[in-house]
Amino acid sequence: MDVSSVLSLPTLSDHTLPYIQKGGKLARNYHQFNLDMEFHSSVKRIYPCLRSIFTTQCSSNCINNGLNLDVPNKLIHNAKVIYCVSAAMGHNKEAHPESNKRVPAIVDALGRLELSPKYRSSQVYEIQTFQPASLDDIARVHSRSYITGLEKAMSRASDEGLIFIDGSGPTYATETTFQESLLAAGAGNFLVDAVVEASHTNQDPPVGFALVRPPGHHAIPEGPMGFCVFGNIAVAARYAQNKYGLKRVLIIDFDVHHGNGTNDAFYDDPDIFFLSTLQAGSYPGTGKIEQVGTGSGEGATLNLPLPGGAGDYTMRSVFDEIIAPSAQRFKPDIILVSAGYDAHALDPLASLQFTTGTYYMLASNIKQLAKELCGGRCVFFLEGGYNLQSLSNSVADTFRALLGEPSLAPQFDNPAMLYEEPLNKVKQAIERAKSIHSI
């Protein structure tokens, strides 16, 4: 497609219209909340999620034509939440849990619950133009051979339509996967830029949220894994260190599955503290409590496997007894969050009992930690979450927490779906982690 005359991303020129029409077709297929909407209305709602199809080409071309792609700094600095959308609409496998329906469902919920810039123009800002991560950015985490091999595999994906790139099977690629994965990582880097720059002039800078896919925390330095292609949060951590000298990075991962890729990337690094809560025994079978780092990085990895059935009470205890004291002792320069929503009681891929209220609590408390410890510098990265309803409602309530507004969780969470948490096992796990890490 020729994009030489694209003026700006919101412009529905002859060059962008084919993508919008494609998006309208996708919207009609899966936009469950708006089945009765007119076609053009559906296109309008889904359009923000379609930029990932062509942003890479448009962005570089706009720069070449001398157009100003800088975001309005004042709007960002004065906002409470800033976010980027990279929905990777071309990276999709039908009936796969990690599909291109996930980010549009979140964007829809933000609009439906009046949390989008349309309703919160001074509080919520969407950064619509950002660059893909450079290959050098990616190579600070992943091997050059993996990066090159994945790029070359795109021709096969183009010929075959879809290929599997993970030996264990669940990670797929289409012809757009490489570029869309670079864009997802680039969104995270751009949010680091925006949050750090805002923190120079604002004592209460906005919190960033990268609404991106493919997710990243399973991707190991040598390759893809567990639906993940590039380690978005790991790339952002190295980016923050390299560009801004933010030496000490705290990564909190509350996805139900262990963030093994992030774990491996920094296992011997004393300057990146990786803290992962997970369901014991879940995919990929890593994240043992005894795994604490190696060499100079010993003690800078904290994995906390939780028993099946752990829920809201558990995570409140974990935050108070593990997360907060670990963060306070580490004294980070920035906090990055692998925000996985698959620990929700309704999620099909695990058996923890988090609720929308659990995610509200975590977001609110993490924001406060960032304010106390590192000038408010904090960026969230979307990871898992495969029930579209619980995912979208929980991310929306995360936004409410970051805005400092009351939770709407009682509207979404049905107490009848919950059962008693295994608190004795939870207490044992917490006490063991405290003993191992001298908390």
Protein backbone atom coordinates (compact mmCIF):
# COMPACT_ATOMS: atom_id res chain seq x y z
CA MET A 1 0.00 0.00 0.00
CA ASP A 2 1.28 3.47 -0.90
CA VAL A 3 1.16 5.74 2.15
CA SER A 4 3.18 8.62 0.70
CA SER A 5 0.34 11.08 0.99
CA VAL A 6 -0.94 10.20 4.45
CA LEU A 7 -1.26 13.49 6.31
CA SER A 8 -1.96 12.23 9.80
CA LEU A 9 -3.23 9.07 11.40
CA PRO A 10 -6.76 10.31 12.06
CA THR A 11 -7.17 11.28 8.38
CA LEU A 12 -9.46 8.94 6.45
CA SER A 13 -7.65 9.39 3.14
CA ASP A 14 -7.89 7.05 0.17
CA HIS A 15 -4.79 5.35 1.51
CA THR A 16 -6.02 4.59 5.00
CA LEU A 17 -9.62 3.84 4.09
CA PRO A 18 -8.98 0.21 3.00
CA TYR A 19 -7.69 -0.50 6.50
CA ILE A 20 -10.70 1.14 8.07
CA GLN A 21 -13.00 -0.91 5.87
CA LYS A 22 -11.12 -4.03 6.94
CA GLY A 23 -11.52 -2.92 10.55
CA GLY A 24 -15.22 -2.42 10.03
CA LYS A 25 -15.50 -6.01 8.86
CA LEU A 26 -13.61 -7.18 11.94
CA ALA A 27 -15.78 -5.00 14.11
CA ARG A 28 -18.95 -6.52 12.72
CA ASN A 29 -17.58 -9.98 13.38
CA TYR A 30 -16.69 -9.61 17.01
CA HIS A 31 -17.71 -6.30 18.56
CA GLN A 32 -20.24 -7.92 20.87
CA PHE A 33 -21.22 -4.77 22.70
CA ASN A 34 -22.28 -2.95 19.54
CA LEU A 35 -23.98 -5.45 17.28
CA ASP A 36 -26.80 -3.04 16.60
CA MET A 37 -24.54 -0.15 15.61
CA GLU A 38 -24.40 1.22 12.10
CA PHE A 39 -21.34 0.20 10.09
CA HIS A 40 -19.70 3.63 10.12
CA SER A 41 -20.27 4.01 13.85
CA SER A 42 -18.61 0.65 14.39
CA VAL A 43 -15.65 1.74 12.26
CA LYS A 44 -15.35 4.91 14.31
CA ARG A 45 -15.19 2.97 17.57
CA ILE A 46 -12.75 0.37 16.33
CA TYR A 47 -10.50 2.80 14.46
CA PRO A 48 -8.11 3.59 17.35
CA CYS A 49 -7.25 -0.10 17.53
CA LEU A 50 -6.37 -0.33 13.83
CA ARG A 51 -3.34 1.95 13.87
CA SER A 52 -1.05 -0.98 14.54
CA ILE A 53 -1.70 -2.21 10.98
CA PHE A 54 -0.12 0.82 9.39
CA THR A 55 1.44 3.10 12.01
CA THR A 56 4.98 1.96 11.25
CA GLN A 57 4.73 2.99 7.61
CA CYS A 58 2.78 6.17 8.32
CA SER A 59 5.07 7.34 11.11
CA SER A 60 8.29 7.02 9.15
CA ASN A 61 6.69 8.60 6.11
CA CYS A 62 5.32 11.55 8.05
CA ILE A 63 8.80 12.20 9.44
CA ASN A 64 10.26 12.06 5.94
CA ASN A 65 7.74 14.66 4.85
CA GLY A 66 8.69 16.96 7.70
CA LEU A 67 5.48 16.58 9.69
CA ASN A 68 5.59 17.17 13.44
CA LEU A 69 4.77 13.97 15.32
CA ASP A 70 5.60 15.34 18.78
CA VAL A 71 2.77 14.90 21.25
CA PRO A 72 1.47 18.00 23.07
CA ASN A 73 3.61 18.00 26.20
CA LYS A 74 1.25 20.13 28.25
CA LEU A 75 -1.65 17.74 27.70
CA ILE A 76 0.49 14.80 28.73
CA HIS A 77 2.03 16.49 31.75
CA ASN A 78 -1.35 17.54 33.10
CA ALA A 79 -3.09 14.20 32.55
CA LYS A 80 -3.44 11.52 35.20
CA VAL A 81 -3.37 8.57 32.80
CA ILE A 82 -1.70 8.35 29.40
CA TYR A 83 -1.93 5.32 27.17
CA CYS A 84 -0.99 3.90 23.79
CA VAL A 85 -3.02 1.42 21.76
CA SER A 86 -1.32 -1.17 19.57
CA ALA A 87 -3.91 -3.83 18.91
CA ALA A 88 -1.90 -5.87 16.37
CA MET A 89 -4.98 -6.51 14.27
CA GLY A 90 -3.01 -8.50 11.72
CA HIS A 91 -1.50 -10.80 14.36
CA ASN A 92 -4.43 -13.11 14.88
CA LYS A 93 -5.50 -16.72 14.98
CA GLU A 94 -9.21 -17.41 15.16
CA ALA A 95 -10.36 -19.23 18.32
CA HIS A 96 -6.97 -18.63 19.92
CA PRO A 97 -7.19 -17.05 23.40
CA GLU A 98 -4.57 -14.42 22.51
CA SER A 99 -6.52 -12.95 19.62
CA ASN A 100 -7.01 -9.51 18.12
CA LYS A 101 -10.30 -9.15 19.98
CA ARG A 102 -8.57 -8.36 23.28
CA VAL A 103 -7.43 -4.75 22.92
CA PRO A 104 -10.57 -3.59 21.06
CA ALA A 105 -12.67 -4.99 23.92
CA ILE A 106 -10.68 -2.83 26.34
CA VAL A 107 -10.95 0.27 24.16
CA ASP A 108 -14.69 -0.32 23.90
CA ALA A 109 -15.00 -0.58 27.69
CA LEU A 110 -13.09 2.66 28.20
CA GLY A 111 -15.58 4.40 25.96
CA ARG A 112 -18.62 2.65 27.37
CA LEU A 113 -17.61 3.53 30.94
CA GLU A 114 -16.69 7.11 29.96
CA LEU A 115 -13.00 6.74 30.73
CA SER A 116 -11.68 7.65 27.30
CA PRO A 117 -10.30 11.07 26.29
CA LYS A 118 -13.68 11.88 24.74
CA TYR A 119 -15.09 12.06 28.26
CA ARG A 120 -11.92 12.83 30.25
CA SER A 121 -10.03 15.22 27.99
CA SER A 122 -7.99 16.79 30.79
CA GLN A 123 -7.36 13.58 32.75
CA VAL A 124 -6.86 10.83 30.19
CA TYR A 125 -4.69 11.25 27.12
CA GLU A 126 -4.13 8.76 24.32
CA ILE A 127 -0.80 9.05 22.54
CA GLN A 128 -1.80 8.14 19.01
CA THR A 129 1.56 8.43 17.26
CA PHE A 130 4.63 6.52 18.38
CA GLN A 131 7.52 4.77 16.76
CA PRO A 132 8.25 1.04 16.70
CA ALA A 133 11.13 -0.05 18.88
CA SER A 134 14.46 -0.13 17.07
CA LEU A 135 16.25 -3.41 16.50
CA ASP A 136 18.93 -2.14 18.89
CA ASP A 137 16.25 -1.64 21.56
CA ILE A 138 15.08 -5.21 21.10
CA ALA A 139 18.66 -6.53 21.05
CA ARG A 140 19.27 -5.23 24.57
CA VAL A 141 17.03 -8.10 25.65
CA HIS A 142 16.85 -10.61 22.79
CA SER A 143 19.59 -12.27 20.76
CA ARG A 144 20.33 -10.88 17.31
CA SER A 145 19.92 -14.35 15.85
CA TYR A 146 16.36 -14.56 17.16
CA ILE A 147 15.46 -11.11 15.87
CA THR A 148 16.88 -11.82 12.43
CA GLY A 149 15.32 -15.26 12.27
CA LEU A 150 11.88 -13.93 13.16
CA GLU A 151 12.09 -11.21 10.54
CA LYS A 152 13.04 -13.77 7.89
CA ALA A 153 10.18 -16.04 8.98
CA MET A 154 7.66 -13.38 7.90
CA SER A 155 7.99 -14.42 4.27
CA ARG A 156 6.95 -17.96 5.18
CA ALA A 157 4.09 -16.57 7.26
CA SER A 158 3.02 -14.54 4.24
CA ASP A 159 3.01 -17.64 2.06
CA GLU A 160 1.26 -19.90 4.57
CA GLY A 161 -0.98 -17.36 6.27
CA LEU A 162 -0.04 -18.46 9.77
CA ILE A 163 2.92 -20.29 11.28
CA PHE A 164 3.91 -21.47 14.72
CA ILE A 165 7.18 -20.01 16.00
CA ASP A 166 7.35 -21.62 19.44
CA GLY A 167 8.49 -25.23 19.78
CA SER A 168 5.81 -25.87 22.41
CA GLY A 169 3.11 -24.78 20.00
CA PRO A 170 0.98 -21.93 21.37
CA THR A 171 2.85 -18.96 19.87
CA TYR A 172 1.84 -18.16 16.31
CA ALA A 173 2.89 -15.56 13.75
CA THR A 174 1.31 -13.98 10.71
CA GLU A 175 2.98 -11.82 8.07
CA THR A 176 2.49 -8.70 10.25
CA THR A 177 3.78 -10.16 13.52
CA PHE A 178 7.33 -8.82 13.33
CA GLN A 179 6.36 -5.20 12.66
CA GLU A 180 3.44 -5.28 15.08
CA SER A 181 5.67 -6.70 17.81
CA LEU A 182 8.16 -3.89 17.24
CA LEU A 183 5.28 -1.44 17.52
CA ALA A 184 4.08 -2.96 20.80
CA ALA A 185 7.55 -2.60 22.30
CA GLY A 186 7.83 0.91 20.88
CA ALA A 187 4.61 1.94 22.60
CA GLY A 188 6.12 0.97 25.94
CA ASN A 189 9.30 2.90 25.24
CA PHE A 190 7.32 5.96 24.21
CA LEU A 191 5.33 5.85 27.43
CA VAL A 192 8.58 5.67 29.38
CA ASP A 193 9.65 8.81 27.51
CA ALA A 194 6.42 10.61 28.30
CA VAL A 195 6.26 9.62 31.98
CA VAL A 196 9.92 10.44 32.65
CA GLU A 197 9.73 13.79 30.89
CA ALA A 198 6.53 14.68 32.74
CA SER A 199 8.16 13.80 36.06
CA HIS A 200 10.73 16.55 35.50
CA THR A 201 8.07 19.23 35.76
CA ASN A 202 5.23 17.54 37.63
CA GLN A 203 5.43 16.05 41.12
CA ASP A 204 2.43 13.89 40.24
CA PRO A 205 3.13 12.77 36.65
CA PRO A 206 0.67 10.62 34.72
CA VAL A 207 0.84 6.85 34.90
CA GLY A 208 1.30 5.17 31.55
CA PHE A 209 -0.53 2.11 30.24
CA ALA A 210 0.57 0.23 27.12
CA LEU A 211 -2.56 -1.42 25.74
CA VAL A 212 -0.55 -3.60 23.41
CA ARG A 213 -0.18 -7.05 22.03
CA PRO A 214 1.41 -9.49 21.44
CA PRO A 215 2.14 -9.70 25.16
CA GLY A 216 5.73 -10.08 26.27
CA HIS A 217 6.60 -11.53 29.66
CA HIS A 218 7.09 -15.15 28.50
CA ALA A 219 9.41 -14.26 25.60
CA ILE A 220 12.89 -15.44 26.57
CA PRO A 221 16.10 -13.82 25.30
CA GLU A 222 16.56 -16.57 22.72
CA GLY A 223 13.03 -16.72 21.34
CA PRO A 224 9.23 -16.53 21.61
CA MET A 225 7.17 -18.41 24.16
CA GLY A 226 3.68 -18.58 25.61
CA PHE A 227 1.88 -16.23 23.15
CA CYS A 228 4.73 -13.69 23.56
CA VAL A 229 7.11 -12.47 20.84
CA PHE A 230 9.29 -9.68 22.30
CA GLY A 231 9.63 -8.89 26.01
CA ASN A 232 7.92 -5.50 25.94
CA ILE A 233 8.49 -4.71 29.60
CA ALA A 234 12.07 -5.99 29.55
CA VAL A 235 12.83 -3.84 26.51
CA ALA A 236 11.35 -0.82 28.32
CA ALA A 237 13.43 -1.52 31.42
CA ARG A 238 16.67 -1.47 29.43
CA TYR A 239 15.43 1.57 27.53
CA ALA A 240 14.82 3.49 30.77
CA GLN A 241 18.28 2.60 32.01
CA ASN A 242 20.02 3.38 28.74
CA LYS A 243 18.29 6.62 27.79
CA TYR A 244 17.57 8.21 31.16
CA GLY A 245 20.05 6.65 33.54
CA LEU A 246 17.22 5.23 35.65
CA LYS A 247 19.47 2.54 37.03
CA ARG A 248 17.16 0.79 39.47
CA VAL A 249 14.03 -0.65 37.86
CA LEU A 250 11.32 -2.48 39.79
CA ILE A 251 9.17 -4.83 37.71
CA ILE A 252 5.97 -6.10 39.34
CA ASP A 253 4.28 -8.95 37.46
CA PHE A 254 0.80 -9.95 38.69
CA ASP A 255 -0.13 -12.10 35.70
CA VAL A 256 -1.38 -15.54 36.77
CA HIS A 257 1.53 -17.14 34.93
CA HIS A 258 5.17 -16.68 35.81
CA GLY A 259 6.95 -14.03 33.77
CA ASN A 260 9.75 -16.42 32.91
CA GLY A 261 11.10 -14.34 30.04
CA THR A 262 11.51 -11.26 32.22
CA ASN A 263 12.92 -13.46 34.96
CA ASP A 264 15.56 -14.90 32.62
CA ALA A 265 16.51 -11.55 31.08
CA PHE A 266 17.52 -10.05 34.43
CA TYR A 267 18.34 -13.07 36.58
CA ASP A 268 21.91 -11.93 37.23
CA ASP A 269 21.22 -8.18 37.29
CA PRO A 270 21.20 -6.50 40.73
CA ASP A 271 19.72 -3.29 39.32
CA ILE A 272 16.42 -4.77 38.15
CA PHE A 273 14.23 -6.23 40.88
CA PHE A 274 11.74 -8.66 39.38
CA LEU A 275 8.78 -9.61 41.56
CA SER A 276 6.29 -12.13 40.17
CA THR A 277 3.14 -13.48 41.78
CA LEU A 278 1.73 -16.53 40.02
CA GLN A 279 -0.45 -19.58 40.41
CA ALA A 280 1.65 -22.48 41.64
CA GLY A 281 2.01 -25.20 39.02
CA SER A 282 0.71 -23.11 36.14
CA TYR A 283 2.33 -22.60 32.73
CA PRO A 284 5.26 -22.59 32.08
CA GLY A 285 6.20 -24.42 35.30
CA THR A 286 8.86 -21.90 36.34
CA GLY A 287 8.83 -19.31 39.11
CA LYS A 288 9.86 -21.46 42.04
CA ILE A 289 10.11 -19.59 45.31
CA GLU A 290 13.73 -20.69 45.66
CA GLN A 291 14.68 -18.92 42.40
CA VAL A 292 16.11 -15.65 43.73
CA GLY A 293 18.68 -14.65 41.10
CA THR A 294 22.28 -15.59 40.55
CA GLY A 295 25.70 -14.00 40.91
CA SER A 296 25.50 -10.29 41.60
CA GLY A 297 21.76 -10.51 40.94
CA GLU A 298 21.11 -12.89 43.83
CA GLY A 299 18.20 -11.56 45.84
CA ALA A 300 16.89 -9.35 43.02
CA THR A 301 14.32 -11.94 41.87
CA LEU A 302 11.31 -12.74 44.04
CA ASN A 303 8.85 -15.36 42.83
CA LEU A 304 5.74 -16.04 44.90
CA PRO A 305 3.69 -19.06 43.76
CA LEU A 306 0.16 -18.91 45.19
CA PRO A 307 -2.20 -21.84 45.65
CA GLY A 308 -5.22 -22.28 43.40
CA GLY A 309 -8.17 -20.38 44.80
CA ALA A 310 -6.12 -17.47 46.12
CA GLY A 311 -7.94 -14.21 45.61
CA ASP A 312 -8.55 -10.70 46.84
CA TYR A 313 -7.69 -11.24 50.51
CA THR A 314 -4.52 -13.03 49.46
CA MET A 315 -3.32 -10.23 47.21
CA ARG A 316 -4.00 -7.56 49.82
CA SER A 317 -1.79 -9.51 52.20
CA VAL A 318 0.83 -10.06 49.49
CA PHE A 319 0.96 -6.38 48.72
CA ASP A 320 1.28 -5.33 52.36
CA GLU A 321 3.74 -8.03 53.39
CA ILE A 322 5.78 -8.66 50.23
CA ILE A 323 5.41 -6.10 47.45
CA ALA A 324 5.48 -2.86 49.45
CA PRO A 325 8.40 -3.73 51.75
CA SER A 326 10.41 -5.16 48.84
CA ALA A 327 9.88 -1.98 46.84
CA GLN A 328 10.72 0.24 49.78
CA ARG A 329 13.96 -1.61 50.38
CA PHE A 330 14.95 -1.64 46.72
CA LYS A 331 14.29 2.11 46.21
CA PRO A 332 13.52 2.04 42.47
CA ASP A 333 13.97 4.90 40.01
CA ILE A 334 10.94 3.71 38.02
CA ILE A 335 8.26 1.02 38.43
CA LEU A 336 7.09 -1.07 35.48
CA VAL A 337 4.10 -3.39 35.80
CA SER A 338 3.33 -6.57 33.85
CA ALA A 339 -0.42 -6.25 34.16
CA GLY A 340 -1.93 -9.63 33.41
CA TYR A 341 -5.66 -10.00 34.03
CA ASP A 342 -5.83 -13.78 33.72
CA ALA A 343 -5.87 -14.35 37.49
CA HIS A 344 -9.50 -13.19 37.42
CA ALA A 345 -12.01 -15.74 38.66
CA LEU A 346 -13.70 -15.76 35.24
CA ASP A 347 -10.56 -16.31 33.20
CA PRO A 348 -10.49 -19.68 31.41
CA LEU A 349 -6.74 -20.35 31.60
CA ALA A 350 -6.17 -20.53 35.37
CA SER A 351 -7.88 -20.98 38.71
CA LEU A 352 -7.13 -18.02 40.95
CA GLN A 353 -9.96 -15.84 42.25
CA PHE A 354 -8.94 -12.27 41.60
CA THR A 355 -11.81 -9.88 41.02
CA THR A 356 -12.13 -6.52 39.35
CA GLY A 357 -11.68 -5.09 42.84
CA THR A 358 -8.37 -6.91 43.24
CA TYR A 359 -6.97 -5.18 40.18
CA TYR A 360 -8.28 -1.83 41.36
CA MET A 361 -6.48 -2.32 44.68
CA LEU A 362 -3.22 -3.33 43.01
CA ALA A 363 -3.24 -0.36 40.63
CA SER A 364 -4.09 2.12 43.36
CA ASN A 365 -1.40 0.82 45.70
CA ILE A 366 1.28 0.57 43.01
CA LYS A 367 0.60 4.15 41.94
CA GLN A 368 1.04 5.25 45.55
CA LEU A 369 4.30 3.29 45.81
CA ALA A 370 5.60 5.04 42.71
CA LYS A 371 4.65 8.41 44.12
CA GLU A 372 6.46 7.67 47.38
CA LEU A 373 9.56 6.00 45.94
CA CYS A 374 10.35 7.26 42.44
CA GLY A 375 8.63 10.53 41.68
CA GLY A 376 5.50 8.83 40.38
CA ARG A 377 7.27 7.24 37.41
CA CYS A 378 5.21 4.15 36.55
CA VAL A 379 4.11 2.37 33.36
CA PHE A 380 1.73 -0.61 33.06
CA PHE A 381 2.01 -3.15 30.23
CA LEU A 382 -0.87 -5.39 29.19
CA GLU A 383 0.01 -9.07 29.45
CA GLY A 384 -2.61 -11.85 29.76
CA GLY A 385 -6.36 -11.86 30.24
CA TYR A 386 -8.56 -14.00 28.01
CA ASN A 387 -12.14 -13.52 29.17
CA LEU A 388 -13.01 -10.37 27.26
CA GLN A 389 -15.57 -9.20 29.79
CA SER A 390 -13.42 -9.57 32.89
CA LEU A 391 -10.37 -8.29 31.02
CA SER A 392 -12.01 -5.11 29.77
CA ASN A 393 -13.83 -4.34 33.02
CA SER A 394 -10.68 -4.91 35.06
CA VAL A 395 -8.52 -2.68 32.87
CA ALA A 396 -11.23 -0.01 33.04
CA ASP A 397 -11.23 -0.23 36.83
CA THR A 398 -7.44 0.00 36.76
CA PHE A 399 -7.90 3.32 34.95
CA ARG A 400 -10.33 4.42 37.67
CA ALA A 401 -7.76 3.55 40.31
CA LEU A 402 -5.08 5.53 38.50
CA LEU A 403 -7.50 8.45 38.25
CA GLY A 404 -8.15 8.26 42.01
CA GLU A 405 -11.85 7.53 41.52
CA PRO A 406 -13.99 4.94 43.32
CA SER A 407 -14.06 1.41 41.98
CA LEU A 408 -17.03 0.12 40.01
CA ALA A 409 -16.13 -3.45 40.89
CA PRO A 410 -19.41 -4.14 42.73
CA GLN A 411 -21.18 -3.68 39.38
CA PHE A 412 -19.01 -6.34 37.75
CA ASP A 413 -18.12 -8.87 40.44
CA ASN A 414 -20.64 -11.47 41.53
CA PRO A 415 -19.70 -12.75 45.02
CA ALA A 416 -21.54 -15.99 44.25
CA MET A 417 -18.74 -17.00 41.85
CA LEU A 418 -16.17 -17.03 44.67
CA TYR A 419 -15.30 -19.70 47.21
CA GLU A 420 -13.20 -19.72 50.35
CA GLU A 421 -9.55 -18.91 49.81
CA PRO A 422 -6.91 -21.41 51.04
CA LEU A 423 -5.55 -18.93 53.58
CA ASN A 424 -3.36 -21.38 55.49
CA LYS A 425 -1.46 -22.25 52.33
CA VAL A 426 -1.29 -18.59 51.43
CA LYS A 427 0.16 -17.69 54.80
CA GLN A 428 2.78 -20.42 54.48
CA ALA A 429 3.83 -19.12 51.06
CA ILE A 430 4.08 -15.54 52.27
CA GLU A 431 6.06 -16.49 55.37
CA ARG A 432 8.48 -18.57 53.32
CA ALA A 433 9.08 -15.72 50.89
CA LYS A 434 9.65 -13.34 53.78
CA SER A 435 12.16 -15.74 55.29
CA ILE A 436 14.06 -16.32 52.05
CA HIS A 437 14.28 -12.60 51.29
CA SER A 438 14.65 -11.37 54.89
CA ILE A 439 11.59 -9.14 54.64
